[in-house]
Each structure stands twice: as C-alpha cells, then as structure tokens.
Amino acid sequence: MNFDPVNSSMLDAVAYDDGTSTLRVRFKNGTEYEYSGVPVTVYRALLTATSSRFYFDSVVNEAGYWFRQVG
C-alpha cells in the first residue's frame, strides 16, 4: 500500500487496498492500524477532509470497523 499524507494533528498518512477494502492509518507517533471493510468512499473523504482527525474520529472510529495494530 502507498501512503498519502493527510492534514491532521494526529494522523500522519493513510493508505487503502481496494482488493480487501482495508484502510491503513499511520499516526504521528509512528503506530499503524488496519481497519477492515472500509468503503473506498470513506478513504477518499479522509484524504480531502478539512480536518482528517475529526473525520477519522467521527466516521471511522464511530463506525466500529474491525481493526488491529500492525506497526
């Protein structure tokens, strides 16, 4: 997956795998998480959000996607 930078005080970059609908999020502290079953529209909105942190908190976290730490 190729990471794209985002405008956020908490997130560093995000990546998406179309084949598995997996969103990978890299935080500023270097940790990475994978979120499964995320629609590509959520990924695209995260890339263009005025505040990626707010969008991540209010949409990705609130949706309850299964996630795991990967790095």
PDB file of N, CA and C in Angstrom:
ATOM      1  N   MET A   1       0.838  -1.185   0.000  1.00  0.00           N
ATOM      2  CA  MET A   1       0.000   0.000   0.000  1.00  0.00           C
ATOM      3  C   MET A   1       0.882   1.247   0.000  1.00  0.00           C
ATOM      4  N   ASN A   2       0.472   2.219  -0.770  1.00  0.00           N
ATOM      5  CA  ASN A   2       1.172   3.501  -0.797  1.00  0.00           C
ATOM      6  C   ASN A   2       0.438   4.484   0.106  1.00  0.00           C
ATOM      7  N   PHE A   3       1.181   5.134   0.970  1.00  0.00           N
ATOM      8  CA  PHE A   3       0.594   6.081   1.906  1.00  0.00           C
ATOM      9  C   PHE A   3       0.461   7.458   1.271  1.00  0.00           C
ATOM     10  N   ASP A   4      -0.637   8.135   1.631  1.00  0.00           N
ATOM     11  CA  ASP A   4      -0.883   9.513   1.227  1.00  0.00           C
ATOM     12  C   ASP A   4      -0.928  10.369   2.488  1.00  0.00           C
ATOM     13  N   PRO A   5      -0.224  11.499   2.511  1.00  0.00           N
ATOM     14  CA  PRO A   5      -0.259  12.363   3.692  1.00  0.00           C
ATOM     15  C   PRO A   5      -1.644  12.985   3.860  1.00  0.00           C
ATOM     16  N   VAL A   6      -1.991  13.286   5.108  1.00  0.00           N
ATOM     17  CA  VAL A   6      -3.270  13.936   5.398  1.00  0.00           C
ATOM     18  C   VAL A   6      -3.042  15.158   6.280  1.00  0.00           C
ATOM     19  N   ASN A   7      -4.038  16.048   6.280  1.00  0.00           N
ATOM     20  CA  ASN A   7      -3.981  17.271   7.068  1.00  0.00           C
ATOM     21  C   ASN A   7      -4.541  16.977   8.457  1.00  0.00           C
ATOM     22  N   SER A   8      -3.655  16.698   9.404  1.00  0.00           N
ATOM     23  CA  SER A   8      -4.112  16.302  10.727  1.00  0.00           C
ATOM     24  C   SER A   8      -3.048  16.543  11.779  1.00  0.00           C
ATOM     25  N   SER A   9      -3.494  16.826  12.996  1.00  0.00           N
ATOM     26  CA  SER A   9      -2.564  16.952  14.114  1.00  0.00           C
ATOM     27  C   SER A   9      -2.262  15.591  14.732  1.00  0.00           C
ATOM     28  N   MET A  10      -3.056  14.577  14.395  1.00  0.00           N
ATOM     29  CA  MET A  10      -2.909  13.251  14.981  1.00  0.00           C
ATOM     30  C   MET A  10      -2.471  12.197  13.963  1.00  0.00           C
ATOM     31  N   LEU A  11      -2.977  12.293  12.744  1.00  0.00           N
ATOM     32  CA  LEU A  11      -2.680  11.310  11.697  1.00  0.00           C
ATOM     33  C   LEU A  11      -1.537  11.808  10.828  1.00  0.00           C
ATOM     34  N   ASP A  12      -0.676  10.886  10.409  1.00  0.00           N
ATOM     35  CA  ASP A  12       0.427  11.229   9.515  1.00  0.00           C
ATOM     36  C   ASP A  12       0.046  10.953   8.063  1.00  0.00           C
ATOM     37  N   ALA A  13      -0.457   9.731   7.801  1.00  0.00           N
ATOM     38  CA  ALA A  13      -0.777   9.331   6.436  1.00  0.00           C
ATOM     39  C   ALA A  13      -1.747   8.160   6.456  1.00  0.00           C
ATOM     40  N   VAL A  14      -2.406   7.939   5.311  1.00  0.00           N
ATOM     41  CA  VAL A  14      -3.341   6.829   5.177  1.00  0.00           C
ATOM     42  C   VAL A  14      -3.102   6.121   3.853  1.00  0.00           C
ATOM     43  N   ALA A  15      -3.486   4.854   3.800  1.00  0.00           N
ATOM     44  CA  ALA A  15      -3.371   4.054   2.578  1.00  0.00           C
ATOM     45  C   ALA A  15      -4.611   3.181   2.476  1.00  0.00           C
ATOM     46  N   TYR A  16      -4.891   2.698   1.264  1.00  0.00           N
ATOM     47  CA  TYR A  16      -6.087   1.894   1.058  1.00  0.00           C
ATOM     48  C   TYR A  16      -5.794   0.774   0.072  1.00  0.00           C
ATOM     49  N   ASP A  17      -6.337  -0.404   0.374  1.00  0.00           N
ATOM     50  CA  ASP A  17      -6.237  -1.566  -0.512  1.00  0.00           C
ATOM     51  C   ASP A  17      -7.634  -1.864  -1.045  1.00  0.00           C
ATOM     52  N   ASP A  18      -7.836  -1.599  -2.341  1.00  0.00           N
ATOM     53  CA  ASP A  18      -9.135  -1.834  -2.986  1.00  0.00           C
ATOM     54  C   ASP A  18      -9.560  -3.292  -2.934  1.00  0.00           C
ATOM     55  N   GLY A  19      -8.607  -4.194  -3.085  1.00  0.00           N
ATOM     56  CA  GLY A  19      -8.916  -5.619  -3.143  1.00  0.00           C
ATOM     57  C   GLY A  19      -9.489  -6.178  -1.853  1.00  0.00           C
ATOM     58  N   THR A  20      -9.070  -5.611  -0.724  1.00  0.00           N
ATOM     59  CA  THR A  20      -9.521  -6.113   0.577  1.00  0.00           C
ATOM     60  C   THR A  20     -10.346  -5.093   1.370  1.00  0.00           C
ATOM     61  N   SER A  21     -10.564  -3.921   0.798  1.00  0.00           N
ATOM     62  CA  SER A  21     -11.284  -2.827   1.482  1.00  0.00           C
ATOM     63  C   SER A  21     -10.661  -2.534   2.847  1.00  0.00           C
ATOM     64  N   THR A  22      -9.327  -2.472   2.846  1.00  0.00           N
ATOM     65  CA  THR A  22      -8.589  -2.238   4.082  1.00  0.00           C
ATOM     66  C   THR A  22      -8.001  -0.832   4.079  1.00  0.00           C
ATOM     67  N   LEU A  23      -8.279  -0.103   5.137  1.00  0.00           N
ATOM     68  CA  LEU A  23      -7.711   1.219   5.358  1.00  0.00           C
ATOM     69  C   LEU A  23      -6.574   1.075   6.350  1.00  0.00           C
ATOM     70  N   ARG A  24      -5.415   1.602   6.010  1.00  0.00           N
ATOM     71  CA  ARG A  24      -4.287   1.607   6.947  1.00  0.00           C
ATOM     72  C   ARG A  24      -4.023   3.050   7.333  1.00  0.00           C
ATOM     73  N   VAL A  25      -3.886   3.272   8.636  1.00  0.00           N
ATOM     74  CA  VAL A  25      -3.683   4.615   9.168  1.00  0.00           C
ATOM     75  C   VAL A  25      -2.370   4.646   9.929  1.00  0.00           C
ATOM     76  N   ARG A  26      -1.523   5.617   9.592  1.00  0.00           N
ATOM     77  CA  ARG A  26      -0.272   5.838  10.324  1.00  0.00           C
ATOM     78  C   ARG A  26      -0.436   7.104  11.154  1.00  0.00           C
ATOM     79  N   PHE A  27      -0.228   6.968  12.448  1.00  0.00           N
ATOM     80  CA  PHE A  27      -0.344   8.093  13.354  1.00  0.00           C
ATOM     81  C   PHE A  27       0.991   8.823  13.470  1.00  0.00           C
ATOM     82  N   LYS A  28       0.949  10.045  13.954  1.00  0.00           N
ATOM     83  CA  LYS A  28       2.161  10.863  14.098  1.00  0.00           C
ATOM     84  C   LYS A  28       3.198  10.197  15.000  1.00  0.00           C
ATOM     85  N   ASN A  29       2.749   9.367  15.947  1.00  0.00           N
ATOM     86  CA  ASN A  29       3.694   8.702  16.851  1.00  0.00           C
ATOM     87  C   ASN A  29       4.320   7.451  16.219  1.00  0.00           C
ATOM     88  N   GLY A  30       3.978   7.160  14.958  1.00  0.00           N
ATOM     89  CA  GLY A  30       4.579   6.050  14.235  1.00  0.00           C
ATOM     90  C   GLY A  30       3.789   4.756  14.244  1.00  0.00           C
ATOM     91  N   THR A  31       2.770   4.639  15.089  1.00  0.00           N
ATOM     92  CA  THR A  31       1.982   3.407  15.099  1.00  0.00           C
ATOM     93  C   THR A  31       1.069   3.358  13.878  1.00  0.00           C
ATOM     94  N   GLU A  32       0.787   2.132  13.439  1.00  0.00           N
ATOM     95  CA  GLU A  32      -0.098   1.930  12.298  1.00  0.00           C
ATOM     96  C   GLU A  32      -1.187   0.939  12.668  1.00  0.00           C
ATOM     97  N   TYR A  33      -2.381   1.205  12.133  1.00  0.00           N
ATOM     98  CA  TYR A  33      -3.524   0.327  12.331  1.00  0.00           C
ATOM     99  C   TYR A  33      -4.167   0.038  10.989  1.00  0.00           C
ATOM    100  N   GLU A  34      -4.719  -1.167  10.864  1.00  0.00           N
ATOM    101  CA  GLU A  34      -5.504  -1.540   9.702  1.00  0.00           C
ATOM    102  C   GLU A  34      -6.961  -1.664  10.118  1.00  0.00           C
ATOM    103  N   TYR A  35      -7.844  -1.105   9.298  1.00  0.00           N
ATOM    104  CA  TYR A  35      -9.287  -1.160   9.522  1.00  0.00           C
ATOM    105  C   TYR A  35      -9.893  -1.935   8.355  1.00  0.00           C
ATOM    106  N   SER A  36     -10.654  -2.972   8.654  1.00  0.00           N
ATOM    107  CA  SER A  36     -11.211  -3.853   7.629  1.00  0.00           C
ATOM    108  C   SER A  36     -12.633  -3.460   7.251  1.00  0.00           C
ATOM    109  N   GLY A  37     -12.973  -3.712   5.981  1.00  0.00           N
ATOM    110  CA  GLY A  37     -14.324  -3.478   5.497  1.00  0.00           C
ATOM    111  C   GLY A  37     -14.692  -2.022   5.313  1.00  0.00           C
ATOM    112  N   VAL A  38     -13.698  -1.190   5.093  1.00  0.00           N
ATOM    113  CA  VAL A  38     -13.932   0.252   4.942  1.00  0.00           C
ATOM    114  C   VAL A  38     -14.209   0.569   3.469  1.00  0.00           C
ATOM    115  N   PRO A  39     -15.326   1.205   3.177  1.00  0.00           N
ATOM    116  CA  PRO A  39     -15.618   1.572   1.794  1.00  0.00           C
ATOM    117  C   PRO A  39     -14.597   2.581   1.253  1.00  0.00           C
ATOM    118  N   VAL A  40     -14.326   2.507  -0.023  1.00  0.00           N
ATOM    119  CA  VAL A  40     -13.364   3.420  -0.640  1.00  0.00           C
ATOM    120  C   VAL A  40     -13.819   4.872  -0.494  1.00  0.00           C
ATOM    121  N   THR A  41     -15.113   5.113  -0.420  1.00  0.00           N
ATOM    122  CA  THR A  41     -15.616   6.480  -0.251  1.00  0.00           C
ATOM    123  C   THR A  41     -15.162   7.083   1.075  1.00  0.00           C
ATOM    124  N   VAL A  42     -15.043   6.265   2.106  1.00  0.00           N
ATOM    125  CA  VAL A  42     -14.551   6.752   3.400  1.00  0.00           C
ATOM    126  C   VAL A  42     -13.087   7.147   3.278  1.00  0.00           C
ATOM    127  N   TYR A  43     -12.292   6.329   2.601  1.00  0.00           N
ATOM    128  CA  TYR A  43     -10.876   6.643   2.376  1.00  0.00           C
ATOM    129  C   TYR A  43     -10.730   7.957   1.608  1.00  0.00           C
ATOM    130  N   ARG A  44     -11.483   8.104   0.533  1.00  0.00           N
ATOM    131  CA  ARG A  44     -11.384   9.325  -0.279  1.00  0.00           C
ATOM    132  C   ARG A  44     -11.784  10.569   0.516  1.00  0.00           C
ATOM    133  N   ALA A  45     -12.823  10.430   1.332  1.00  0.00           N
ATOM    134  CA  ALA A  45     -13.262  11.559   2.150  1.00  0.00           C
ATOM    135  C   ALA A  45     -12.212  11.899   3.202  1.00  0.00           C
ATOM    136  N   LEU A  46     -11.555  10.895   3.743  1.00  0.00           N
ATOM    137  CA  LEU A  46     -10.495  11.121   4.723  1.00  0.00           C
ATOM    138  C   LEU A  46      -9.348  11.909   4.102  1.00  0.00           C
ATOM    139  N   LEU A  47      -9.021  11.615   2.860  1.00  0.00           N
ATOM    140  CA  LEU A  47      -7.942  12.329   2.164  1.00  0.00           C
ATOM    141  C   LEU A  47      -8.252  13.804   1.950  1.00  0.00           C
ATOM    142  N   THR A  48      -9.506  14.128   1.743  1.00  0.00           N
ATOM    143  CA  THR A  48      -9.871  15.501   1.389  1.00  0.00           C
ATOM    144  C   THR A  48     -10.506  16.281   2.538  1.00  0.00           C
ATOM    145  N   ALA A  49     -10.652  15.665   3.689  1.00  0.00           N
ATOM    146  CA  ALA A  49     -11.294  16.332   4.827  1.00  0.00           C
ATOM    147  C   ALA A  49     -10.487  17.544   5.286  1.00  0.00           C
ATOM    148  N   THR A  50     -11.179  18.582   5.676  1.00  0.00           N
ATOM    149  CA  THR A  50     -10.522  19.767   6.231  1.00  0.00           C
ATOM    150  C   THR A  50      -9.743  19.388   7.483  1.00  0.00           C
ATOM    151  N   SER A  51     -10.355  18.537   8.303  1.00  0.00           N
ATOM    152  CA  SER A  51      -9.688  18.001   9.485  1.00  0.00           C
ATOM    153  C   SER A  51      -9.772  16.479   9.426  1.00  0.00           C
ATOM    154  N   SER A  52      -8.689  15.853   9.020  1.00  0.00           N
ATOM    155  CA  SER A  52      -8.674  14.393   8.931  1.00  0.00           C
ATOM    156  C   SER A  52      -8.881  13.763  10.296  1.00  0.00           C
ATOM    157  N   ARG A  53      -8.390  14.415  11.339  1.00  0.00           N
ATOM    158  CA  ARG A  53      -8.573  13.872  12.683  1.00  0.00           C
ATOM    159  C   ARG A  53     -10.050  13.828  13.056  1.00  0.00           C
ATOM    160  N   PHE A  54     -10.771  14.914  12.810  1.00  0.00           N
ATOM    161  CA  PHE A  54     -12.196  14.949  13.120  1.00  0.00           C
ATOM    162  C   PHE A  54     -12.940  13.909  12.295  1.00  0.00           C
ATOM    163  N   TYR A  55     -12.646  13.815  11.009  1.00  0.00           N
ATOM    164  CA  TYR A  55     -13.321  12.842  10.152  1.00  0.00           C
ATOM    165  C   TYR A  55     -13.020  11.420  10.628  1.00  0.00           C
ATOM    166  N   PHE A  56     -11.776  11.149  10.926  1.00  0.00           N
ATOM    167  CA  PHE A  56     -11.384   9.827  11.414  1.00  0.00           C
ATOM    168  C   PHE A  56     -12.136   9.481  12.698  1.00  0.00           C
ATOM    169  N   ASP A  57     -12.146  10.404  13.646  1.00  0.00           N
ATOM    170  CA  ASP A  57     -12.822  10.153  14.921  1.00  0.00           C
ATOM    171  C   ASP A  57     -14.326   9.969  14.741  1.00  0.00           C
ATOM    172  N   SER A  58     -14.947  10.828  13.943  1.00  0.00           N
ATOM    173  CA  SER A  58     -16.401  10.814  13.841  1.00  0.00           C
ATOM    174  C   SER A  58     -16.945   9.778  12.863  1.00  0.00           C
ATOM    175  N   VAL A  59     -16.158   9.352  11.908  1.00  0.00           N
ATOM    176  CA  VAL A  59     -16.655   8.391  10.918  1.00  0.00           C
ATOM    177  C   VAL A  59     -16.004   7.017  11.090  1.00  0.00           C
ATOM    178  N   VAL A  60     -14.700   6.938  11.023  1.00  0.00           N
ATOM    179  CA  VAL A  60     -14.021   5.633  11.066  1.00  0.00           C
ATOM    180  C   VAL A  60     -14.162   5.002  12.451  1.00  0.00           C
ATOM    181  N   ASN A  61     -13.803   5.714  13.491  1.00  0.00           N
ATOM    182  CA  ASN A  61     -13.901   5.154  14.843  1.00  0.00           C
ATOM    183  C   ASN A  61     -15.343   4.853  15.239  1.00  0.00           C
ATOM    184  N   GLU A  62     -16.245   5.740  14.920  1.00  0.00           N
ATOM    185  CA  GLU A  62     -17.648   5.561  15.307  1.00  0.00           C
ATOM    186  C   GLU A  62     -18.331   4.421  14.544  1.00  0.00           C
ATOM    187  N   ALA A  63     -17.837   4.087  13.364  1.00  0.00           N
ATOM    188  CA  ALA A  63     -18.466   3.025  12.558  1.00  0.00           C
ATOM    189  C   ALA A  63     -18.220   1.641  13.134  1.00  0.00           C
ATOM    190  N   GLY A  64     -17.191   1.498  13.943  1.00  0.00           N
ATOM    191  CA  GLY A  64     -16.923   0.211  14.572  1.00  0.00           C
ATOM    192  C   GLY A  64     -16.265  -0.819  13.664  1.00  0.00           C
ATOM    193  N   TYR A  65     -15.490  -0.368  12.697  1.00  0.00           N
ATOM    194  CA  TYR A  65     -14.762  -1.305  11.837  1.00  0.00           C
ATOM    195  C   TYR A  65     -13.807  -2.138  12.686  1.00  0.00           C
ATOM    196  N   TRP A  66     -13.646  -3.398  12.301  1.00  0.00           N
ATOM    197  CA  TRP A  66     -12.660  -4.242  12.971  1.00  0.00           C
ATOM    198  C   TRP A  66     -11.292  -3.684  12.652  1.00  0.00           C
ATOM    199  N   PHE A  67     -10.412  -3.595  13.659  1.00  0.00           N
ATOM    200  CA  PHE A  67      -9.074  -3.053  13.421  1.00  0.00           C
ATOM    201  C   PHE A  67      -8.043  -3.822  14.241  1.00  0.00           C
ATOM    202  N   ARG A  68      -6.792  -3.658  13.800  1.00  0.00           N
ATOM    203  CA  ARG A  68      -5.664  -4.253  14.513  1.00  0.00           C
ATOM    204  C   ARG A  68      -4.441  -3.375  14.319  1.00  0.00           C
ATOM    205  N   GLN A  69      -3.575  -3.393  15.320  1.00  0.00           N
ATOM    206  CA  GLN A  69      -2.319  -2.660  15.208  1.00  0.00           C
ATOM    207  C   GLN A  69      -1.362  -3.481  14.375  1.00  0.00           C
ATOM    208  N   VAL A  70      -0.686  -2.832  13.409  1.00  0.00           N
ATOM    209  CA  VAL A  70       0.253  -3.533  12.521  1.00  0.00           C
ATOM    210  C   VAL A  70       1.649  -2.955  12.585  1.00  0.00           C
ATOM    211  N   GLY A  71       1.849  -1.879  13.253  1.00  0.00           N
ATOM    212  CA  GLY A  71       3.183  -1.295  13.324  1.00  0.00           C
ATOM    213  C   GLY A  71       3.302  -0.297  14.422  1.00  0.00           C
TER     214      GLY A  71
END
